[in-house]
Amino acid sequence: MNQQSETGKPLTYKEICDNARGLMTSCKVCRVCNGEACRGVLPGVGGKGNGDNFVRNYQKLQEVKLHLDTLCEAGPIDTGMDFLGKRVDLPFFAAPLASIENQFGPKYNTEQFSHILLENAQAGGTVSFLPEGNPEMIGSLCGEFPGVGIPTIKPWPIEVLIERAKQYEQAGAFAVATDLDGAGLAMVQGRGMPVAPKSVEEIRSLVEAVKIPIIIKGIMTVAGARKCVEAGVAGLVVSNHGGRVLEQALSTIEVLEHIAGAAAGRLTVLLDGAVRSGSDLFKIRALGGHGALIGRPLGVAVYGGGPEGLEVYRKKIRAELVEAMMMTGARRLGDICKDMVYLPQGFSV
């Protein structure tokens, strides 16, 4: 049964945000989720240090503009894509949001929150990234929703990575990711095992240990993309961990085009970092990415409306993407190209 507002009608996105403000702790559910109000809020949803990197992720993505062009053939708009052999209806996936109680508030724990994401993904014929958590709990979720979850393992020692990847493969995971950008998370250090960068040889050994796809999150350079190709992974995520691990870094959208070029035809390329709308998804496709991860806004959707709130948000993003495609002359995601967006001079690095 759909959750309803006080008027008895289905929840609106505004009502979801209003509800979430009373339930979330570190997140203020700002009108614009741009990192300004939560600078340095860690643990929580803010960026590291002065928060500039989170803010830059948002600001640079907004600098990319769309070229309106409606002198084109009209027709149905298809927002679907192939993702590692699976047809999905939208080019975005839930990001691996960890420590839900600490990041957002006590209404949900990581297992409850992840269950809602997986249930929504299964119903929508897509997949969802899952956060680091108790391995038994994550394995149980992968078994309950086979072929839907992508557990994301912190860069623990390689033998631990391999052991957990095998465990999740056997449980029914669609793929396994490791967020190498998590090597910079101070809150993870000291849990009994060190998190650290990984070599090409170590990642190759991870790829060879399982039959399901391996995705590397935390790639910010062309050299890193080429190393992913060398290691034999199936995909990469352009990510600076939401601006939470390194100050004075570039934004993800600034480096996307060249990374996508280096990986062209060999890897699936996703982007993580301040993606807020269907228009943002359009920009990512125009600069060579296949899709995106969305994190903080999904927390707001779930806290403000539960499973229904998440579905309202998905429909909102889809409507925005459809509008962007219709008003620029793209009927399929494959039609979207760089000529359909404007970049400020010297934007891509």
Protein backbone atom coordinates (compact mmCIF):
# COMPACT_ATOMS: atom_id res chain seq x y z
CA MET A 1 0.00 0.00 0.00
CA ASN A 2 1.34 3.45 -0.92
CA GLN A 3 2.18 5.77 1.93
CA GLN A 4 -0.06 8.82 1.87
CA SER A 5 0.26 12.43 2.92
CA GLU A 6 -1.99 14.07 5.50
CA THR A 7 -4.36 14.95 2.66
CA GLY A 8 -4.90 11.28 1.85
CA LYS A 9 -3.12 11.61 -1.49
CA PRO A 10 0.18 9.92 -2.49
CA LEU A 11 3.27 11.59 -1.09
CA THR A 12 4.83 14.42 -3.04
CA TYR A 13 8.59 14.93 -3.20
CA LYS A 14 8.23 18.12 -1.12
CA GLU A 15 6.39 16.21 1.59
CA ILE A 16 9.10 13.55 1.57
CA CYS A 17 11.76 16.21 2.15
CA ASP A 18 9.69 17.85 4.89
CA ASN A 19 9.27 14.49 6.62
CA ALA A 20 12.99 13.72 6.37
CA ARG A 21 13.99 16.98 8.07
CA GLY A 22 12.41 15.78 11.26
CA LEU A 23 14.10 12.39 11.17
CA MET A 24 17.65 13.00 9.90
CA THR A 25 20.43 14.17 12.17
CA SER A 26 23.50 15.44 10.29
CA CYS A 27 21.62 16.03 7.01
CA LYS A 28 19.59 19.24 6.98
CA VAL A 29 17.70 18.25 3.79
CA CYS A 30 18.61 21.52 2.12
CA ARG A 31 16.60 22.79 -0.83
CA VAL A 32 19.79 22.32 -2.86
CA CYS A 33 22.02 19.43 -1.75
CA ASN A 34 25.33 21.14 -2.55
CA GLY A 35 27.48 20.50 0.52
CA GLU A 36 27.43 24.05 1.83
CA ALA A 37 25.43 23.50 5.02
CA CYS A 38 27.24 20.30 6.05
CA ARG A 39 30.87 21.32 5.49
CA GLY A 40 33.11 19.14 7.63
CA VAL A 41 30.25 17.16 9.21
CA LEU A 42 31.95 13.80 9.76
CA PRO A 43 30.63 11.34 10.83
CA GLY A 44 27.67 12.55 8.86
CA VAL A 45 26.97 13.65 5.33
CA GLY A 46 29.49 16.47 4.90
CA GLY A 47 32.73 16.77 2.99
CA LYS A 48 36.17 16.42 4.53
CA GLY A 49 37.89 19.39 6.13
CA ASN A 50 36.38 22.62 4.89
CA GLY A 51 34.07 20.67 2.61
CA ASP A 52 35.28 22.27 -0.62
CA ASN A 53 35.54 18.99 -2.51
CA PHE A 54 31.89 18.05 -1.94
CA VAL A 55 30.90 21.59 -2.96
CA ARG A 56 33.13 21.44 -6.05
CA ASN A 57 31.53 18.17 -7.15
CA TYR A 58 28.18 19.94 -7.18
CA GLN A 59 29.29 23.27 -8.62
CA LYS A 60 31.25 21.84 -11.54
CA LEU A 61 28.42 19.50 -12.50
CA GLN A 62 26.10 22.51 -12.63
CA GLU A 63 28.50 24.39 -14.91
CA VAL A 64 27.76 21.89 -17.67
CA LYS A 65 24.70 23.11 -19.59
CA LEU A 66 22.33 21.51 -22.09
CA HIS A 67 21.74 22.74 -25.65
CA LEU A 68 18.02 22.99 -26.34
CA ASP A 69 17.15 21.60 -29.78
CA THR A 70 13.60 20.55 -30.67
CA LEU A 71 13.99 20.62 -34.46
CA CYS A 72 14.13 16.84 -34.58
CA GLU A 73 11.98 13.79 -35.10
CA ALA A 74 9.59 13.17 -32.23
CA GLY A 75 8.99 9.76 -30.74
CA PRO A 76 9.09 7.62 -27.59
CA ILE A 77 11.98 8.22 -25.19
CA ASP A 78 13.96 5.18 -24.02
CA THR A 79 15.96 5.68 -20.81
CA GLY A 80 17.12 2.06 -20.56
CA MET A 81 20.62 0.70 -20.94
CA ASP A 82 22.66 -2.49 -20.73
CA PHE A 83 24.63 -2.75 -17.51
CA LEU A 84 27.10 -5.63 -17.42
CA GLY A 85 24.69 -7.82 -19.38
CA LYS A 86 21.52 -6.75 -17.56
CA ARG A 87 18.90 -4.45 -19.04
CA VAL A 88 18.07 -1.63 -16.59
CA ASP A 89 15.49 1.12 -16.95
CA LEU A 90 17.56 4.10 -15.83
CA PRO A 91 21.28 5.00 -15.93
CA PHE A 92 21.65 5.38 -12.19
CA PHE A 93 22.11 3.09 -9.20
CA ALA A 94 21.99 3.47 -5.43
CA ALA A 95 25.41 4.31 -4.05
CA PRO A 96 26.83 2.16 -1.23
CA LEU A 97 25.73 4.21 1.79
CA ALA A 98 27.37 2.83 4.93
CA SER A 99 26.77 3.36 8.68
CA ILE A 100 23.25 4.61 8.06
CA GLU A 101 22.50 5.38 11.71
CA ASN A 102 25.60 7.58 12.01
CA GLN A 103 25.25 9.22 8.62
CA PHE A 104 21.52 9.95 8.59
CA GLY A 105 19.79 9.07 11.86
CA PRO A 106 18.44 6.23 14.01
CA LYS A 107 15.20 5.52 12.09
CA TYR A 108 16.94 2.83 9.99
CA ASN A 109 19.99 0.67 10.37
CA THR A 110 22.14 -0.45 7.44
CA GLU A 111 20.29 -3.74 7.00
CA GLN A 112 16.84 -2.12 6.96
CA PHE A 113 17.94 0.64 4.61
CA SER A 114 19.68 -1.78 2.23
CA HIS A 115 16.62 -4.02 2.22
CA ILE A 116 14.47 -1.13 0.96
CA LEU A 117 17.01 -0.34 -1.78
CA LEU A 118 17.19 -3.96 -2.94
CA GLU A 119 13.44 -4.44 -2.87
CA ASN A 120 13.01 -1.33 -5.04
CA ALA A 121 15.76 -2.44 -7.42
CA GLN A 122 14.29 -5.91 -7.79
CA ALA A 123 10.83 -4.51 -8.51
CA GLY A 124 12.30 -2.11 -11.07
CA GLY A 125 14.49 -4.66 -12.82
CA THR A 126 17.73 -2.97 -11.86
CA VAL A 127 20.58 -3.45 -9.34
CA SER A 128 21.78 -1.64 -6.24
CA PHE A 129 25.19 -1.15 -4.69
CA LEU A 130 25.41 -2.24 -1.05
CA PRO A 131 27.67 -0.77 1.64
CA GLU A 132 30.32 -2.40 3.75
CA GLY A 133 28.64 -4.17 6.61
CA ASN A 134 28.54 -7.38 8.55
CA PRO A 135 29.47 -10.01 5.91
CA GLU A 136 26.79 -12.43 7.08
CA MET A 137 24.13 -9.74 6.88
CA ILE A 138 25.23 -8.58 3.40
CA GLY A 139 25.40 -12.19 2.23
CA SER A 140 21.89 -12.80 3.55
CA LEU A 141 20.57 -9.79 1.62
CA CYS A 142 22.25 -11.02 -1.57
CA GLY A 143 20.55 -14.38 -1.05
CA GLU A 144 17.15 -12.79 -0.48
CA PHE A 145 17.55 -10.67 -3.62
CA PRO A 146 19.71 -12.80 -5.95
CA GLY A 147 21.21 -11.05 -8.95
CA VAL A 148 20.35 -7.60 -7.59
CA GLY A 149 22.99 -6.57 -5.02
CA ILE A 150 26.51 -5.28 -5.59
CA PRO A 151 28.29 -5.46 -2.21
CA THR A 152 31.01 -2.84 -1.92
CA ILE A 153 33.98 -3.99 0.13
CA LYS A 154 36.44 -1.60 1.73
CA PRO A 155 40.06 -1.98 0.55
CA TRP A 156 40.99 -4.43 3.29
CA PRO A 157 44.00 -6.73 2.81
CA ILE A 158 43.64 -8.57 -0.49
CA GLU A 159 43.06 -11.96 1.13
CA VAL A 160 40.06 -10.49 2.98
CA LEU A 161 38.76 -8.90 -0.21
CA ILE A 162 38.95 -12.21 -2.04
CA GLU A 163 37.34 -14.15 0.81
CA ARG A 164 34.37 -11.77 0.99
CA ALA A 165 33.98 -11.56 -2.78
CA LYS A 166 33.70 -15.35 -2.93
CA GLN A 167 31.21 -15.32 -0.08
CA TYR A 168 29.00 -12.76 -1.84
CA GLU A 169 29.29 -14.57 -5.17
CA GLN A 170 28.05 -17.78 -3.57
CA ALA A 171 25.22 -15.87 -1.86
CA GLY A 172 23.89 -14.54 -5.18
CA ALA A 173 25.46 -11.10 -5.69
CA PHE A 174 25.18 -9.60 -9.18
CA ALA A 175 28.72 -8.16 -8.93
CA VAL A 176 31.22 -7.07 -6.30
CA ALA A 177 32.79 -3.64 -5.94
CA THR A 178 35.62 -2.30 -3.85
CA ASP A 179 35.77 1.40 -3.04
CA LEU A 180 39.50 2.04 -3.16
CA ASP A 181 38.78 5.69 -2.38
CA GLY A 182 37.77 4.41 1.06
CA ALA A 183 41.48 4.04 1.84
CA GLY A 184 41.33 7.64 3.02
CA LEU A 185 38.49 7.19 5.51
CA ALA A 186 39.89 7.87 8.95
CA MET A 187 36.76 6.45 10.60
CA VAL A 188 37.45 3.06 9.00
CA GLN A 189 41.04 2.86 10.18
CA GLY A 190 41.45 1.05 13.44
CA ARG A 191 38.76 -1.59 12.93
CA GLY A 192 41.34 -4.32 13.35
CA MET A 193 42.43 -4.39 9.70
CA PRO A 194 44.12 -1.67 7.65
CA VAL A 195 42.49 -0.17 4.58
CA ALA A 196 45.01 0.75 1.90
CA PRO A 197 45.48 1.30 -1.85
CA LYS A 198 45.75 -1.81 -3.99
CA SER A 199 48.15 -2.73 -6.81
CA VAL A 200 47.13 -3.87 -10.29
CA GLU A 201 48.36 -7.36 -9.41
CA GLU A 202 46.19 -7.50 -6.29
CA ILE A 203 43.09 -6.40 -8.19
CA ARG A 204 43.83 -8.90 -10.94
CA SER A 205 43.95 -11.66 -8.33
CA LEU A 206 40.54 -10.51 -7.09
CA VAL A 207 39.13 -10.61 -10.64
CA GLU A 208 40.49 -14.12 -11.16
CA ALA A 209 39.07 -15.37 -7.86
CA VAL A 210 35.38 -14.99 -8.82
CA LYS A 211 33.17 -15.35 -11.89
CA ILE A 212 30.96 -12.31 -11.27
CA PRO A 213 32.01 -8.80 -12.41
CA ILE A 214 34.42 -6.72 -10.32
CA ILE A 215 33.93 -2.94 -10.18
CA ILE A 216 36.55 -0.52 -8.88
CA LYS A 217 35.26 2.67 -7.24
CA GLY A 218 37.53 5.64 -6.65
CA ILE A 219 39.17 6.23 -10.04
CA MET A 220 40.08 9.89 -10.70
CA THR A 221 42.81 9.73 -13.37
CA VAL A 222 43.37 8.36 -16.87
CA ALA A 223 46.26 6.34 -15.48
CA GLY A 224 43.89 4.78 -12.96
CA ALA A 225 41.44 3.86 -15.74
CA ARG A 226 44.23 2.21 -17.73
CA LYS A 227 45.24 0.23 -14.66
CA CYS A 228 41.65 -0.96 -14.33
CA VAL A 229 41.78 -2.20 -17.92
CA GLU A 230 45.10 -3.92 -17.19
CA ALA A 231 43.65 -5.59 -14.09
CA GLY A 232 40.71 -6.94 -16.08
CA VAL A 233 37.84 -5.42 -14.08
CA ALA A 234 34.38 -5.05 -15.61
CA GLY A 235 33.72 -1.48 -14.57
CA LEU A 236 34.93 1.55 -12.68
CA VAL A 237 33.34 4.40 -10.77
CA VAL A 238 34.80 7.87 -11.13
CA SER A 239 34.64 8.95 -7.49
CA ASN A 240 36.37 11.00 -4.82
CA HIS A 241 34.15 9.41 -2.15
CA GLY A 242 31.75 12.32 -2.13
CA GLY A 243 34.52 14.74 -1.16
CA ARG A 244 35.10 12.85 2.07
CA VAL A 245 38.65 11.52 1.73
CA LEU A 246 40.95 14.15 0.17
CA GLU A 247 40.92 17.93 0.27
CA GLN A 248 41.91 19.98 -2.80
CA ALA A 249 40.94 17.27 -5.26
CA LEU A 250 39.22 17.82 -8.60
CA SER A 251 35.53 17.15 -9.04
CA THR A 252 34.41 13.91 -10.65
CA ILE A 253 32.71 15.54 -13.65
CA GLU A 254 35.92 17.42 -14.53
CA VAL A 255 37.86 14.21 -15.10
CA LEU A 256 35.05 12.04 -16.50
CA GLU A 257 35.54 12.70 -20.22
CA HIS A 258 39.20 11.67 -20.36
CA ILE A 259 38.70 8.68 -18.06
CA ALA A 260 35.77 7.50 -20.19
CA GLY A 261 37.93 7.92 -23.27
CA ALA A 262 40.70 5.80 -21.79
CA ALA A 263 38.20 3.07 -20.89
CA ALA A 264 36.10 3.30 -24.06
CA GLY A 265 34.75 -0.04 -25.22
CA ARG A 266 36.57 -1.95 -22.49
CA LEU A 267 34.93 -0.94 -19.21
CA THR A 268 31.58 0.29 -17.96
CA VAL A 269 32.13 3.78 -16.53
CA LEU A 270 29.93 5.25 -13.78
CA LEU A 271 30.25 8.56 -11.97
CA ASP A 272 29.68 9.29 -8.29
CA GLY A 273 29.52 12.74 -6.75
CA ALA A 274 26.68 15.29 -6.34
CA VAL A 275 24.40 13.81 -9.02
CA ARG A 276 21.03 15.33 -8.23
CA SER A 277 18.79 15.28 -11.30
CA GLY A 278 17.91 13.66 -14.59
CA SER A 279 19.71 16.53 -16.31
CA ASP A 280 22.86 15.52 -14.43
CA LEU A 281 22.48 11.99 -15.79
CA PHE A 282 22.23 13.47 -19.28
CA LYS A 283 25.48 15.41 -18.77
CA ILE A 284 27.29 12.26 -17.62
CA ARG A 285 26.16 10.39 -20.73
CA ALA A 286 27.24 13.32 -22.93
CA LEU A 287 30.77 13.20 -21.48
CA GLY A 288 31.21 9.48 -22.06
CA GLY A 289 29.92 7.91 -18.86
CA HIS A 290 27.37 5.12 -18.88
CA GLY A 291 25.56 6.11 -15.72
CA ALA A 292 25.87 7.32 -12.14
CA LEU A 293 25.61 6.46 -8.48
CA ILE A 294 23.31 8.58 -6.32
CA GLY A 295 23.74 8.61 -2.56
CA ARG A 296 22.55 11.35 -0.21
CA PRO A 297 19.24 12.07 -2.02
CA LEU A 298 18.26 8.42 -1.69
CA GLY A 299 18.75 8.72 2.06
CA VAL A 300 16.36 11.66 2.09
CA ALA A 301 13.83 9.74 -0.02
CA VAL A 302 13.86 6.69 2.26
CA TYR A 303 13.86 8.59 5.56
CA GLY A 304 11.09 10.87 4.33
CA GLY A 305 8.86 8.30 2.70
CA GLY A 306 10.16 4.76 3.13
CA PRO A 307 9.85 2.49 0.08
CA GLU A 308 7.24 4.82 -1.43
CA GLY A 309 9.58 7.78 -1.05
CA LEU A 310 12.28 5.94 -2.93
CA GLU A 311 9.90 5.16 -5.79
CA VAL A 312 8.73 8.80 -5.92
CA TYR A 313 12.36 9.86 -6.25
CA ARG A 314 13.06 7.35 -9.04
CA LYS A 315 10.03 8.61 -10.98
CA LYS A 316 11.17 12.19 -10.47
CA ILE A 317 14.64 11.45 -11.87
CA ARG A 318 13.19 9.57 -14.81
CA ALA A 319 10.81 12.42 -15.68
CA GLU A 320 13.71 14.90 -15.59
CA LEU A 321 15.85 12.69 -17.82
CA VAL A 322 13.00 12.17 -20.30
CA GLU A 323 12.46 15.92 -20.48
CA ALA A 324 16.17 16.60 -21.01
CA MET A 325 16.32 14.02 -23.82
CA MET A 326 13.15 15.26 -25.51
CA MET A 327 14.30 18.89 -25.44
CA THR A 328 17.74 18.12 -26.88
CA GLY A 329 16.78 15.69 -29.63
CA ALA A 330 17.86 12.41 -27.99
CA ARG A 331 15.39 9.54 -28.10
CA ARG A 332 17.77 6.91 -26.70
CA LEU A 333 20.67 7.16 -24.26
CA GLY A 334 23.00 6.24 -27.13
CA ASP A 335 21.90 9.40 -28.96
CA ILE A 336 23.30 11.65 -26.23
CA CYS A 337 26.65 13.13 -27.27
CA LYS A 338 29.04 15.90 -26.32
CA ASP A 339 27.55 18.28 -28.92
CA MET A 340 24.38 18.36 -26.82
CA VAL A 341 26.08 20.07 -23.86
CA TYR A 342 28.04 23.25 -23.26
CA LEU A 343 31.32 23.17 -21.34
CA PRO A 344 33.05 26.30 -20.01
CA GLN A 345 36.44 26.96 -21.54
CA GLY A 346 39.14 24.79 -19.96
CA PHE A 347 36.55 22.70 -18.09
CA SER A 348 37.74 19.13 -18.79
CA VAL A 349 41.17 18.23 -17.43
